[in-house]
Protein backbone atom coordinates (compact mmCIF):
# COMPACT_ATOMS: atom_id res chain seq x y z
CA MET A 1 0.00 0.00 0.00
CA THR A 2 2.91 2.35 0.66
CA ASN A 3 4.12 1.86 -2.90
CA VAL A 4 0.59 2.33 -4.25
CA LEU A 5 0.24 5.66 -2.43
CA ILE A 6 3.63 6.81 -3.73
CA ALA A 7 2.68 5.80 -7.27
CA LEU A 8 -0.66 7.63 -7.02
CA CYS A 9 1.00 10.83 -5.81
CA PHE A 10 3.54 10.68 -8.64
CA ALA A 11 0.85 9.95 -11.25
CA VAL A 12 -1.37 12.81 -10.09
CA PHE A 13 1.59 15.19 -10.08
CA VAL A 14 2.86 14.20 -13.53
CA ILE A 15 -0.52 14.64 -15.23
CA GLY A 16 -1.21 17.91 -13.39
CA PRO A 17 0.08 21.39 -14.30
CA ALA A 18 2.67 21.69 -11.50
CA SER A 19 5.02 19.11 -13.04
CA GLY A 20 5.43 21.09 -16.26
CA LEU A 21 5.31 17.83 -18.22
CA ASN A 22 1.71 18.01 -19.42
CA ARG A 23 1.76 20.39 -22.38
CA THR A 24 -2.02 20.62 -22.54
CA TYR A 25 -1.82 23.24 -19.78
CA GLY A 26 0.29 25.51 -21.95
CA THR A 27 3.38 27.48 -20.94
CA GLY A 28 4.24 30.80 -19.36
CA ASP A 29 1.29 32.79 -17.99
CA ALA A 30 -1.20 30.19 -19.21
CA LEU A 31 0.57 27.51 -17.19
CA LEU A 32 0.60 29.70 -14.07
CA ARG A 33 -3.13 30.33 -14.39
CA ALA A 34 -3.74 26.62 -14.87
CA GLN A 35 -1.71 25.81 -11.75
CA THR A 36 -3.62 28.34 -9.67
CA ALA A 37 -6.98 27.02 -10.86
CA TYR A 38 -5.87 23.41 -10.30
CA PHE A 39 -4.76 24.03 -6.73
CA GLU A 40 -7.93 25.97 -5.93
CA ARG A 41 -10.06 23.14 -7.27
CA TRP A 42 -8.32 20.20 -5.60
CA GLY A 43 -6.57 21.86 -2.65
CA VAL A 44 -7.95 23.06 0.67
CA VAL A 45 -8.99 26.72 0.83
CA PRO A 46 -9.88 27.26 4.52
CA VAL A 47 -12.32 30.11 3.95
CA GLU A 48 -14.26 27.95 1.47
CA LEU A 49 -14.12 24.81 3.60
CA TRP A 50 -16.49 26.27 6.18
CA SER A 51 -18.95 27.60 3.60
CA GLY A 52 -20.97 24.37 3.68
CA SER A 53 -20.03 23.32 0.15
CA LEU A 54 -19.91 19.53 -0.28
CA ARG A 55 -17.11 19.88 -2.84
CA ALA A 56 -15.02 21.87 -0.37
CA LEU A 57 -15.47 19.19 2.29
CA ILE A 58 -13.90 16.64 -0.06
CA THR A 59 -10.78 18.74 -0.70
CA PRO A 60 -8.89 17.61 2.45
CA LEU A 61 -8.82 14.17 0.78
CA SER A 62 -8.01 15.27 -2.76
CA ALA A 63 -5.31 17.65 -1.47
CA LEU A 64 -3.37 14.67 -0.06
CA PHE A 65 -2.48 13.62 -3.61
CA VAL A 66 -1.66 17.07 -4.98
CA HIS A 67 1.79 18.66 -4.66
CA GLY A 68 3.05 22.09 -5.58
CA SER A 69 6.47 21.26 -7.00
CA TRP A 70 8.93 18.46 -7.66
CA LEU A 71 10.78 19.30 -4.44
CA HIS A 72 7.52 19.19 -2.47
CA LEU A 73 6.61 15.82 -3.96
CA LEU A 74 10.03 14.19 -3.62
CA GLY A 75 10.47 15.33 -0.03
CA ASN A 76 7.11 13.91 1.03
CA MET A 77 7.57 10.66 -0.88
CA LEU A 78 11.02 10.11 0.62
CA PHE A 79 9.55 10.23 4.13
CA LEU A 80 6.66 8.01 3.09
CA TYR A 81 9.02 5.46 1.56
CA VAL A 82 11.39 5.39 4.55
CA PHE A 83 8.80 5.16 7.32
CA GLY A 84 5.67 3.88 5.59
CA GLY A 85 6.75 0.30 4.95
CA MET A 86 7.37 -0.65 8.58
CA ALA A 87 4.25 1.16 9.78
CA GLU A 88 2.18 -0.62 7.13
CA ALA A 89 3.66 -4.01 8.07
CA ARG A 90 2.63 -3.41 11.68
CA MET A 91 -0.87 -2.06 10.95
CA GLY A 92 -1.85 -4.14 7.94
CA ARG A 93 -2.48 -2.97 4.39
CA LEU A 94 -6.08 -1.72 4.58
CA PRO A 95 -5.87 -0.26 8.11
CA PHE A 96 -2.72 1.59 7.02
CA ALA A 97 -4.52 3.05 4.00
CA ALA A 98 -7.44 4.15 6.19
CA PHE A 99 -5.00 5.62 8.71
CA TYR A 100 -3.23 7.55 5.95
CA LEU A 101 -6.44 9.08 4.62
CA ILE A 102 -8.13 9.81 7.95
CA ILE A 103 -5.10 11.33 9.68
CA GLY A 104 -4.29 13.39 6.60
CA TYR A 105 -7.88 14.64 6.38
CA LEU A 106 -7.94 15.59 10.06
CA ALA A 107 -4.55 17.31 9.88
CA LEU A 108 -5.65 19.53 7.00
CA LEU A 109 -9.02 20.12 8.67
CA GLY A 110 -7.25 21.21 11.85
CA TYR A 111 -5.03 23.60 9.91
CA ALA A 112 -8.06 25.03 8.11
CA ALA A 113 -9.87 25.52 11.43
CA ALA A 114 -6.92 27.45 12.83
CA HIS A 115 -6.79 29.68 9.72
CA ALA A 116 -10.49 29.81 8.91
CA ALA A 117 -10.31 33.21 7.22
CA SER A 118 -7.38 32.29 4.96
CA GLY A 119 -7.85 32.12 1.21
CA GLN A 120 -4.47 30.43 0.69
CA THR A 121 -4.57 27.01 -0.95
CA LEU A 122 -3.13 24.05 0.96
CA VAL A 123 -1.95 20.90 -0.84
CA GLY A 124 0.31 17.94 -0.08
CA ALA A 125 0.51 14.66 1.77
CA SER A 126 2.59 15.98 4.65
CA GLY A 127 -0.28 15.76 7.17
CA SER A 128 -0.66 12.04 6.46
CA ILE A 129 3.09 11.47 6.49
CA ALA A 130 3.45 13.35 9.77
CA GLY A 131 0.86 10.93 11.16
CA ILE A 132 2.98 8.00 9.99
CA LEU A 133 6.00 9.53 11.74
CA GLY A 134 4.02 9.88 14.95
CA ALA A 135 2.85 6.27 14.80
CA PHE A 136 6.37 5.13 13.94
CA LEU A 137 7.72 6.90 17.01
CA TYR A 138 5.45 4.84 19.25
CA LEU A 139 5.77 1.55 17.38
CA PHE A 140 9.51 1.54 16.63
CA PRO A 141 11.26 4.07 18.89
CA ARG A 142 14.59 2.21 18.86
CA ALA A 143 14.78 1.50 15.12
CA ARG A 144 17.90 3.02 13.58
CA VAL A 145 17.36 5.80 11.03
CA THR A 146 20.02 7.17 8.69
CA SER A 147 19.83 10.97 8.77
CA VAL A 148 21.67 13.89 7.21
CA PHE A 149 21.84 17.24 9.01
CA PRO A 150 23.28 20.43 7.45
CA PHE A 151 24.86 21.55 10.73
CA LEU A 152 26.75 18.23 10.86
CA PHE A 153 28.25 18.87 7.40
CA PHE A 154 25.69 16.55 5.71
CA LEU A 155 27.36 13.44 7.11
CA PRO A 156 25.03 10.39 6.96
CA LEU A 157 24.63 9.26 10.56
CA ARG A 158 22.40 6.65 12.16
CA PHE A 159 20.29 7.58 15.16
CA PRO A 160 17.47 5.89 17.07
CA ALA A 161 14.10 6.80 15.56
CA TRP A 162 12.98 8.54 18.74
CA VAL A 163 15.86 11.02 18.46
CA VAL A 164 15.21 11.84 14.79
CA LEU A 165 11.43 12.03 15.06
CA LEU A 166 11.30 14.07 18.25
CA PHE A 167 13.85 16.47 16.75
CA TRP A 168 11.71 16.72 13.60
CA PHE A 169 8.58 17.33 15.68
CA PHE A 170 10.32 20.04 17.69
CA LEU A 171 11.29 21.84 14.47
CA GLN A 172 7.72 21.68 13.17
CA TRP A 173 6.31 22.88 16.47
CA GLN A 174 8.75 25.77 16.66
CA ALA A 175 8.07 26.75 13.05
CA ALA A 176 4.31 26.68 13.70
CA GLN A 177 4.78 29.00 16.69
CA ASP A 178 6.92 31.42 14.70
CA ASP A 179 4.51 31.47 11.76
CA PRO A 180 1.03 31.99 13.28
CA ASN A 181 -0.60 33.48 10.21
CA GLY A 182 -0.10 30.36 8.14
CA PRO A 183 1.73 31.47 4.95
CA GLY A 184 4.17 29.12 3.27
CA VAL A 185 4.61 25.61 4.70
CA ALA A 186 1.67 24.38 6.79
CA TYR A 187 3.71 23.44 9.84
CA LEU A 188 0.61 23.29 12.01
CA ALA A 189 -0.77 20.48 9.82
CA HIS A 190 2.48 18.57 10.47
CA VAL A 191 2.12 19.04 14.22
CA ILE A 192 -1.53 17.94 14.21
CA GLY A 193 -0.83 14.91 12.00
CA PHE A 194 2.13 13.79 14.11
CA ALA A 195 0.19 14.12 17.37
CA LEU A 196 -2.83 12.24 15.97
CA GLY A 197 -0.63 9.48 14.56
CA PHE A 198 1.14 8.96 17.87
CA LEU A 199 -2.16 9.05 19.78
CA TYR A 200 -3.71 6.47 17.44
CA ALA A 201 -0.74 4.10 17.78
CA TRP A 202 -0.76 4.50 21.56
CA LEU A 203 -4.48 3.77 21.84
CA ARG A 204 -4.43 0.92 19.32
CA TYR A 205 -1.21 -0.88 20.26
CA ARG A 206 -0.48 -0.08 23.90
CA ARG A 207 -1.98 -3.37 25.09
CA ASP A 208 0.28 -5.23 22.68
CA SER A 209 3.26 -3.34 24.09
CA VAL A 210 2.29 -4.01 27.68
CA GLY A 211 1.68 -7.68 26.96
CA SER A 212 4.78 -8.23 24.85
CA THR A 213 7.93 -9.89 26.15
CA SER A 214 11.54 -9.31 25.21
CA GLY A 215 11.13 -11.63 22.26
CA ASN A 216 8.04 -9.98 20.92
CA VAL A 217 7.02 -6.88 18.94
CA ARG A 218 9.57 -4.35 20.17
CA ALA A 219 12.45 -6.81 19.72
CA ASN A 220 11.83 -6.88 15.98
CA GLU A 221 12.60 -3.20 15.46
CA GLY A 222 16.12 -3.79 14.22
CA GLU A 223 15.20 -6.36 11.57
CA SER A 224 14.00 -3.85 8.99
CA GLN A 225 15.72 -0.57 9.56
CA PRO A 226 14.93 2.56 7.52
């Protein structure tokens, strides 16, 4: 299911105007107008979401498969590829798909509620992926994750997942505090998605964790490392 979601996001992006590959949208100013119209149609516009329009209520789902640029798409899909497989293996294929859609919807809905008067369009799968990161933190806190940090001269280093994910969450939280009006990256959607993902995993799997022994679920974290 992780690979299916990645493929869907790539397919939607390639056939849409943001990729620049579909010549039916034109070039130059025509392409820019097509991109704006496309994002407004399929993305979340908070001020329209609360208007009562049925079409607007569907946009938090459609927006999960729409991305604004190649960098936006590749960054999200990298996180989905690295963390999605193990989370899916733990949850199961269909529950993982439902988790992805529901958490993503709620994350974008939460962002829209916090910026209800905003007319800025919001697109991207980052709310869903943040939820996966939150669930991963609970399910596999000791799994080793290869990470690259600019302030460490881009050296690839391996850290426990709890270190990487809590550091990531702190950055998102800080950015959301510093950017209360909501322009640019929707950091608040990341924070909401991460918190909901962790909460879901805690509620759903805490009994398994309490009942597990040293040879059970948590012991398998190192067998499939991101």
